[in-house]
Amino acid sequence: MTKPLALVAGAGAGLGQSLLARFEQGGFTPVGLGRTAPLNPVGEFHTLDLADEAAVPAKIADIIGTHGVPQIVVHNTAELVIAPFADTSLDDFSRTWTSMVQTAFLLGQATLPQMAKANGGSFIVSGATASLRGGAKFAAFASAKFALRGLTQSLAREYQPQGVHVCHAILDGIIDTDRSRDLHSLDPAKMMKPEDIAEAYWQLAHQPQSTWTHELDLRPASEGF
């Protein structure tokens, strides 16, 4: 029997790989997409510029031709720019939008109509604290995360009646990775474990239709809000 497909866009080391590992554990065929392949990737990995309007639909069509229409799709790309507004270049500002909003647009167009025609499924978008409030020096990042949240709401209202569960997950905290430990002097006990986030996404993807969540916020117990 063919295993259902779980597709993760932004499947780098950390959360992306933890998501693929959880989906594989649950009986899915895990396929990751991203600019750079991590060491020893889980499942199948395709190196891809997720903002390329020609390459994305072509690659996803090829993957669907091999594995079938995905039952789980996760948009997990990020481009963090932290700078005073006066020092934020137009290139930096545009790059955050391209990396997070344009990629979600292309991923949605390549998968959602197909999922609606098939047996539905789940389309989950990773948000952040900046999805809800903009902080000083986060003008580029927060504006793109706000837009991503709005895009996800619109997709939910269009595709949920067609059987596709569209969710926005606000990750309100620092994800525990080797890179984040190098950048932040935080107690790892106060950081978000990628495998725990992956478990929450798994549960989102398996909610019964009578109790679908559109937006879920996740944070460490020590995080203020």
C-alpha atoms as a PDB file:
ATOM      1  CA  MET A   1       0.000   0.000   0.000  1.00  0.00           C
ATOM      2  CA  THR A   2       1.333   3.443  -0.970  1.00  0.00           C
ATOM      3  CA  LYS A   3       2.062   5.681   1.979  1.00  0.00           C
ATOM      4  CA  PRO A   4       0.505   9.170   1.959  1.00  0.00           C
ATOM      5  CA  LEU A   5       2.779  12.096   1.228  1.00  0.00           C
ATOM      6  CA  ALA A   6       3.868  14.708   3.790  1.00  0.00           C
ATOM      7  CA  LEU A   7       5.615  17.689   2.212  1.00  0.00           C
ATOM      8  CA  VAL A   8       7.663  20.205   4.223  1.00  0.00           C
ATOM      9  CA  ALA A   9       8.886  23.414   2.580  1.00  0.00           C
ATOM     10  CA  GLY A  10      11.753  24.799   4.625  1.00  0.00           C
ATOM     11  CA  ALA A  11      12.989  21.407   5.791  1.00  0.00           C
ATOM     12  CA  GLY A  12      16.349  22.398   7.197  1.00  0.00           C
ATOM     13  CA  ALA A  13      18.021  21.210  10.366  1.00  0.00           C
ATOM     14  CA  GLY A  14      15.842  21.708  13.425  1.00  0.00           C
ATOM     15  CA  LEU A  15      12.080  21.967  13.088  1.00  0.00           C
ATOM     16  CA  GLY A  16      11.908  21.009   9.419  1.00  0.00           C
ATOM     17  CA  GLN A  17      13.702  17.725   9.973  1.00  0.00           C
ATOM     18  CA  SER A  18      11.782  17.029  13.184  1.00  0.00           C
ATOM     19  CA  LEU A  19       8.514  17.458  11.274  1.00  0.00           C
ATOM     20  CA  LEU A  20       9.605  15.012   8.593  1.00  0.00           C
ATOM     21  CA  ALA A  21      10.727  12.522  11.242  1.00  0.00           C
ATOM     22  CA  ARG A  22       7.349  12.718  13.007  1.00  0.00           C
ATOM     23  CA  PHE A  23       5.423  12.298   9.769  1.00  0.00           C
ATOM     24  CA  GLU A  24       7.581   9.327   8.796  1.00  0.00           C
ATOM     25  CA  GLN A  25       6.973   7.792  12.223  1.00  0.00           C
ATOM     26  CA  GLY A  26       3.239   8.217  11.596  1.00  0.00           C
ATOM     27  CA  GLY A  27       3.330   6.266   8.345  1.00  0.00           C
ATOM     28  CA  PHE A  28       3.820   9.045   5.786  1.00  0.00           C
ATOM     29  CA  THR A  29       6.340   9.381   2.992  1.00  0.00           C
ATOM     30  CA  PRO A  30       8.413  12.406   4.098  1.00  0.00           C
ATOM     31  CA  VAL A  31       9.626  14.814   1.411  1.00  0.00           C
ATOM     32  CA  GLY A  32      11.533  17.992   2.237  1.00  0.00           C
ATOM     33  CA  LEU A  33      12.171  21.084   0.144  1.00  0.00           C
ATOM     34  CA  GLY A  34      14.738  23.794   0.816  1.00  0.00           C
ATOM     35  CA  ARG A  35      17.673  25.839  -0.375  1.00  0.00           C
ATOM     36  CA  THR A  36      20.279  23.671   1.353  1.00  0.00           C
ATOM     37  CA  ALA A  37      20.070  19.996   2.208  1.00  0.00           C
ATOM     38  CA  PRO A  38      20.869  19.177   5.855  1.00  0.00           C
ATOM     39  CA  LEU A  39      23.276  16.425   6.765  1.00  0.00           C
ATOM     40  CA  ASN A  40      21.547  13.032   6.667  1.00  0.00           C
ATOM     41  CA  PRO A  41      18.092  14.379   5.750  1.00  0.00           C
ATOM     42  CA  VAL A  42      14.993  12.482   6.770  1.00  0.00           C
ATOM     43  CA  GLY A  43      13.301  10.888   3.782  1.00  0.00           C
ATOM     44  CA  GLU A  44      13.575  12.514   0.377  1.00  0.00           C
ATOM     45  CA  PHE A  45      15.046  16.022   0.046  1.00  0.00           C
ATOM     46  CA  HIS A  46      14.884  18.304  -2.994  1.00  0.00           C
ATOM     47  CA  THR A  47      17.108  21.376  -3.200  1.00  0.00           C
ATOM     48  CA  LEU A  48      14.888  24.158  -4.473  1.00  0.00           C
ATOM     49  CA  ASP A  49      14.520  27.925  -4.451  1.00  0.00           C
ATOM     50  CA  LEU A  50      11.030  28.077  -2.944  1.00  0.00           C
ATOM     51  CA  ALA A  51      10.517  31.598  -4.330  1.00  0.00           C
ATOM     52  CA  ASP A  52      11.096  30.543  -7.957  1.00  0.00           C
ATOM     53  CA  GLU A  53       7.750  30.871  -9.732  1.00  0.00           C
ATOM     54  CA  ALA A  54       8.748  28.393 -12.465  1.00  0.00           C
ATOM     55  CA  ALA A  55      10.694  25.835 -10.441  1.00  0.00           C
ATOM     56  CA  VAL A  56       8.254  25.394  -7.531  1.00  0.00           C
ATOM     57  CA  PRO A  57       5.157  24.249  -9.466  1.00  0.00           C
ATOM     58  CA  ALA A  58       7.291  22.067 -11.736  1.00  0.00           C
ATOM     59  CA  LYS A  59       9.054  20.341  -8.843  1.00  0.00           C
ATOM     60  CA  ILE A  60       5.872  19.818  -6.832  1.00  0.00           C
ATOM     61  CA  ALA A  61       4.067  18.452  -9.893  1.00  0.00           C
ATOM     62  CA  ASP A  62       6.924  15.984 -10.294  1.00  0.00           C
ATOM     63  CA  ILE A  63       6.722  14.961  -6.630  1.00  0.00           C
ATOM     64  CA  ILE A  64       2.946  14.525  -6.857  1.00  0.00           C
ATOM     65  CA  GLY A  65       3.429  12.434  -9.994  1.00  0.00           C
ATOM     66  CA  THR A  66       5.675  10.109  -7.994  1.00  0.00           C
ATOM     67  CA  HIS A  67       3.997  10.047  -4.574  1.00  0.00           C
ATOM     68  CA  GLY A  68       0.449  11.304  -5.118  1.00  0.00           C
ATOM     69  CA  VAL A  69      -1.263  14.409  -3.782  1.00  0.00           C
ATOM     70  CA  PRO A  70       0.076  15.358  -0.328  1.00  0.00           C
ATOM     71  CA  GLN A  71      -2.118  14.869   2.721  1.00  0.00           C
ATOM     72  CA  ILE A  72       0.075  17.136   4.850  1.00  0.00           C
ATOM     73  CA  VAL A  73       1.866  20.273   3.639  1.00  0.00           C
ATOM     74  CA  VAL A  74       3.886  22.513   5.946  1.00  0.00           C
ATOM     75  CA  HIS A  75       5.245  25.939   5.052  1.00  0.00           C
ATOM     76  CA  ASN A  76       8.194  26.452   7.371  1.00  0.00           C
ATOM     77  CA  THR A  77      10.453  28.982   5.662  1.00  0.00           C
ATOM     78  CA  ALA A  78      11.910  31.969   7.514  1.00  0.00           C
ATOM     79  CA  GLU A  79      14.198  34.916   6.857  1.00  0.00           C
ATOM     80  CA  LEU A  80      15.088  36.818  10.005  1.00  0.00           C
ATOM     81  CA  VAL A  81      16.259  40.410   9.599  1.00  0.00           C
ATOM     82  CA  ILE A  82      16.893  42.395  12.802  1.00  0.00           C
ATOM     83  CA  ALA A  83      18.003  45.978  12.206  1.00  0.00           C
ATOM     84  CA  PRO A  84      17.008  49.549  13.046  1.00  0.00           C
ATOM     85  CA  PHE A  85      14.436  50.726  10.524  1.00  0.00           C
ATOM     86  CA  ALA A  86      16.733  53.455   9.175  1.00  0.00           C
ATOM     87  CA  ASP A  87      19.418  50.827   8.527  1.00  0.00           C
ATOM     88  CA  THR A  88      17.103  48.282   6.893  1.00  0.00           C
ATOM     89  CA  SER A  89      17.820  48.132   3.183  1.00  0.00           C
ATOM     90  CA  LEU A  90      15.114  47.668   0.596  1.00  0.00           C
ATOM     91  CA  ASP A  91      16.852  44.426  -0.349  1.00  0.00           C
ATOM     92  CA  ASP A  92      16.582  43.145   3.231  1.00  0.00           C
ATOM     93  CA  PHE A  93      12.939  44.201   3.412  1.00  0.00           C
ATOM     94  CA  SER A  94      12.085  42.580   0.074  1.00  0.00           C
ATOM     95  CA  ARG A  95      14.011  39.432   0.948  1.00  0.00           C
ATOM     96  CA  THR A  96      11.870  38.743   4.014  1.00  0.00           C
ATOM     97  CA  TRP A  97       8.703  39.015   1.931  1.00  0.00           C
ATOM     98  CA  THR A  98      10.094  36.874  -0.868  1.00  0.00           C
ATOM     99  CA  SER A  99      11.348  34.204   1.519  1.00  0.00           C
ATOM    100  CA  MET A 100       8.181  33.935   3.615  1.00  0.00           C
ATOM    101  CA  VAL A 101       5.153  35.331   1.751  1.00  0.00           C
ATOM    102  CA  GLN A 102       5.991  34.595  -1.879  1.00  0.00           C
ATOM    103  CA  THR A 103       7.087  31.067  -0.999  1.00  0.00           C
ATOM    104  CA  ALA A 104       3.774  30.406   0.782  1.00  0.00           C
ATOM    105  CA  PHE A 105       1.867  31.796  -2.205  1.00  0.00           C
ATOM    106  CA  LEU A 106       3.682  29.483  -4.626  1.00  0.00           C
ATOM    107  CA  LEU A 107       3.464  26.458  -2.328  1.00  0.00           C
ATOM    108  CA  GLY A 108      -0.269  27.022  -1.819  1.00  0.00           C
ATOM    109  CA  GLN A 109      -0.985  27.383  -5.515  1.00  0.00           C
ATOM    110  CA  ALA A 110       0.945  24.190  -6.274  1.00  0.00           C
ATOM    111  CA  THR A 111      -0.767  22.057  -3.623  1.00  0.00           C
ATOM    112  CA  LEU A 112      -4.106  23.410  -2.343  1.00  0.00           C
ATOM    113  CA  PRO A 113      -6.194  22.993  -5.529  1.00  0.00           C
ATOM    114  CA  GLN A 114      -4.856  19.455  -5.871  1.00  0.00           C
ATOM    115  CA  MET A 115      -5.656  18.650  -2.247  1.00  0.00           C
ATOM    116  CA  ALA A 116      -9.169  20.063  -2.601  1.00  0.00           C
ATOM    117  CA  LYS A 117      -9.793  17.825  -5.620  1.00  0.00           C
ATOM    118  CA  ALA A 118      -8.439  14.779  -3.777  1.00  0.00           C
ATOM    119  CA  ASN A 119      -9.333  13.800  -0.234  1.00  0.00           C
ATOM    120  CA  GLY A 120      -8.471  17.069   1.502  1.00  0.00           C
ATOM    121  CA  GLY A 121      -5.645  17.169   3.999  1.00  0.00           C
ATOM    122  CA  SER A 122      -3.841  19.731   6.135  1.00  0.00           C
ATOM    123  CA  PHE A 123      -1.857  22.821   5.144  1.00  0.00           C
ATOM    124  CA  ILE A 124       0.079  24.241   8.111  1.00  0.00           C
ATOM    125  CA  VAL A 125       1.993  27.519   8.160  1.00  0.00           C
ATOM    126  CA  SER A 126       4.668  28.320  10.755  1.00  0.00           C
ATOM    127  CA  GLY A 127       4.266  31.789  12.245  1.00  0.00           C
ATOM    128  CA  ALA A 128       6.092  33.607  15.032  1.00  0.00           C
ATOM    129  CA  THR A 129       5.663  36.132  17.819  1.00  0.00           C
ATOM    130  CA  ALA A 130       6.061  38.754  15.079  1.00  0.00           C
ATOM    131  CA  SER A 131       2.900  37.452  13.407  1.00  0.00           C
ATOM    132  CA  LEU A 132       0.933  39.270  16.119  1.00  0.00           C
ATOM    133  CA  ARG A 133       3.058  42.249  17.100  1.00  0.00           C
ATOM    134  CA  GLY A 134       5.903  44.162  15.582  1.00  0.00           C
ATOM    135  CA  GLY A 135       8.910  44.899  17.743  1.00  0.00           C
ATOM    136  CA  ALA A 136      11.620  47.523  17.453  1.00  0.00           C
ATOM    137  CA  LYS A 137      14.178  46.542  14.781  1.00  0.00           C
ATOM    138  CA  PHE A 138      11.811  43.887  13.372  1.00  0.00           C
ATOM    139  CA  ALA A 139      10.095  46.012  10.691  1.00  0.00           C
ATOM    140  CA  ALA A 140      11.027  43.720   7.809  1.00  0.00           C
ATOM    141  CA  PHE A 141      10.408  40.427   9.596  1.00  0.00           C
ATOM    142  CA  ALA A 142       7.184  41.436  11.350  1.00  0.00           C
ATOM    143  CA  SER A 143       5.610  42.986   8.255  1.00  0.00           C
ATOM    144  CA  ALA A 144       6.171  39.759   6.330  1.00  0.00           C
ATOM    145  CA  LYS A 145       4.905  37.597   9.191  1.00  0.00           C
ATOM    146  CA  PHE A 146       1.761  39.763   9.460  1.00  0.00           C
ATOM    147  CA  ALA A 147       1.200  39.278   5.723  1.00  0.00           C
ATOM    148  CA  LEU A 148       1.769  35.532   6.002  1.00  0.00           C
ATOM    149  CA  ARG A 149      -0.858  35.326   8.734  1.00  0.00           C
ATOM    150  CA  GLY A 150      -3.348  37.247   6.595  1.00  0.00           C
ATOM    151  CA  LEU A 151      -2.637  35.044   3.593  1.00  0.00           C
ATOM    152  CA  THR A 152      -3.199  31.937   5.710  1.00  0.00           C
ATOM    153  CA  GLN A 153      -6.542  33.265   6.990  1.00  0.00           C
ATOM    154  CA  SER A 154      -7.684  33.873   3.423  1.00  0.00           C
ATOM    155  CA  LEU A 155      -6.618  30.394   2.353  1.00  0.00           C
ATOM    156  CA  ALA A 156      -8.466  28.871   5.298  1.00  0.00           C
ATOM    157  CA  ARG A 157     -11.702  30.637   4.403  1.00  0.00           C
ATOM    158  CA  GLU A 158     -11.413  29.513   0.797  1.00  0.00           C
ATOM    159  CA  TYR A 159     -10.204  25.942   1.188  1.00  0.00           C
ATOM    160  CA  GLN A 160     -11.612  24.689   4.493  1.00  0.00           C
ATOM    161  CA  PRO A 161     -15.116  24.383   2.959  1.00  0.00           C
ATOM    162  CA  GLN A 162     -13.411  22.196   0.322  1.00  0.00           C
ATOM    163  CA  GLY A 163     -12.040  19.845   2.963  1.00  0.00           C
ATOM    164  CA  VAL A 164      -8.519  21.222   3.444  1.00  0.00           C
ATOM    165  CA  HIS A 165      -7.598  22.107   7.017  1.00  0.00           C
ATOM    166  CA  VAL A 166      -5.529  25.312   6.861  1.00  0.00           C
ATOM    167  CA  CYS A 167      -3.726  26.204  10.107  1.00  0.00           C
ATOM    168  CA  HIS A 168      -1.427  28.975  11.306  1.00  0.00           C
ATOM    169  CA  ALA A 169       0.902  28.023  14.181  1.00  0.00           C
ATOM    170  CA  ILE A 170       2.434  30.881  16.178  1.00  0.00           C
ATOM    171  CA  LEU A 171       5.790  29.782  17.574  1.00  0.00           C
ATOM    172  CA  ASP A 172       6.252  32.227  20.441  1.00  0.00           C
ATOM    173  CA  GLY A 173       9.767  31.421  21.575  1.00  0.00           C
ATOM    174  CA  ILE A 174      13.259  30.411  20.477  1.00  0.00           C
ATOM    175  CA  ILE A 175      13.482  26.968  18.885  1.00  0.00           C
ATOM    176  CA  ASP A 176      16.247  24.857  20.402  1.00  0.00           C
ATOM    177  CA  THR A 177      18.808  24.185  17.667  1.00  0.00           C
ATOM    178  CA  ASP A 178      22.600  24.237  17.525  1.00  0.00           C
ATOM    179  CA  ARG A 179      22.432  27.590  15.730  1.00  0.00           C
ATOM    180  CA  SER A 180      20.040  29.193  18.191  1.00  0.00           C
ATOM    181  CA  ARG A 181      22.164  28.015  21.126  1.00  0.00           C
ATOM    182  CA  ASP A 182      25.116  29.780  19.516  1.00  0.00           C
ATOM    183  CA  LEU A 183      23.127  32.991  18.994  1.00  0.00           C
ATOM    184  CA  HIS A 184      21.175  33.168  22.251  1.00  0.00           C
ATOM    185  CA  SER A 185      22.407  32.765  25.812  1.00  0.00           C
ATOM    186  CA  LEU A 186      19.209  31.062  26.933  1.00  0.00           C
ATOM    187  CA  ASP A 187      18.719  28.117  29.215  1.00  0.00           C
ATOM    188  CA  PRO A 188      17.800  25.261  26.828  1.00  0.00           C
ATOM    189  CA  ALA A 189      15.006  24.354  29.257  1.00  0.00           C
ATOM    190  CA  LYS A 190      13.358  27.652  28.269  1.00  0.00           C
ATOM    191  CA  MET A 191      13.554  26.960  24.540  1.00  0.00           C
ATOM    192  CA  MET A 192      11.050  25.207  22.275  1.00  0.00           C
ATOM    193  CA  LYS A 193      11.977  21.617  21.440  1.00  0.00           C
ATOM    194  CA  PRO A 194      11.618  20.901  17.696  1.00  0.00           C
ATOM    195  CA  GLU A 195      10.266  17.426  18.364  1.00  0.00           C
ATOM    196  CA  ASP A 196       7.562  18.861  20.657  1.00  0.00           C
ATOM    197  CA  ILE A 197       6.498  21.373  18.010  1.00  0.00           C
ATOM    198  CA  ALA A 198       6.415  18.522  15.483  1.00  0.00           C
ATOM    199  CA  GLU A 199       4.091  16.573  17.768  1.00  0.00           C
ATOM    200  CA  ALA A 200       1.739  19.576  17.974  1.00  0.00           C
ATOM    201  CA  TYR A 201       1.721  19.839  14.161  1.00  0.00           C
ATOM    202  CA  TRP A 202       0.975  16.122  13.920  1.00  0.00           C
ATOM    203  CA  GLN A 203      -2.022  16.585  16.199  1.00  0.00           C
ATOM    204  CA  LEU A 204      -3.205  19.597  14.177  1.00  0.00           C
ATOM    205  CA  ALA A 205      -3.051  17.542  11.011  1.00  0.00           C
ATOM    206  CA  HIS A 206      -5.230  14.851  12.573  1.00  0.00           C
ATOM    207  CA  GLN A 207      -8.001  16.913  14.158  1.00  0.00           C
ATOM    208  CA  PRO A 208     -11.545  15.772  13.335  1.00  0.00           C
ATOM    209  CA  GLN A 209     -13.463  18.155  11.085  1.00  0.00           C
ATOM    210  CA  SER A 210     -15.888  19.048  13.860  1.00  0.00           C
ATOM    211  CA  THR A 211     -13.070  20.672  15.864  1.00  0.00           C
ATOM    212  CA  TRP A 212     -10.611  22.205  13.426  1.00  0.00           C
ATOM    213  CA  THR A 213      -8.197  24.772  14.828  1.00  0.00           C
ATOM    214  CA  HIS A 214      -7.239  27.591  12.500  1.00  0.00           C
ATOM    215  CA  GLU A 215      -4.652  29.219  14.779  1.00  0.00           C
ATOM    216  CA  LEU A 216      -2.601  27.689  17.563  1.00  0.00           C
ATOM    217  CA  ASP A 217      -0.015  29.482  19.674  1.00  0.00           C
ATOM    218  CA  LEU A 218       2.825  27.487  21.208  1.00  0.00           C
ATOM    219  CA  ARG A 219       5.355  28.766  23.735  1.00  0.00           C
ATOM    220  CA  PRO A 220       7.511  27.470  26.601  1.00  0.00           C
ATOM    221  CA  ALA A 221       5.835  27.565  29.995  1.00  0.00           C
ATOM    222  CA  SER A 222       8.426  30.154  31.077  1.00  0.00           C
ATOM    223  CA  GLU A 223       7.606  32.563  28.221  1.00  0.00           C
ATOM    224  CA  GLY A 224       5.587  35.671  29.051  1.00  0.00           C
ATOM    225  CA  PHE A 225       2.722  36.705  26.778  1.00  0.00           C
END
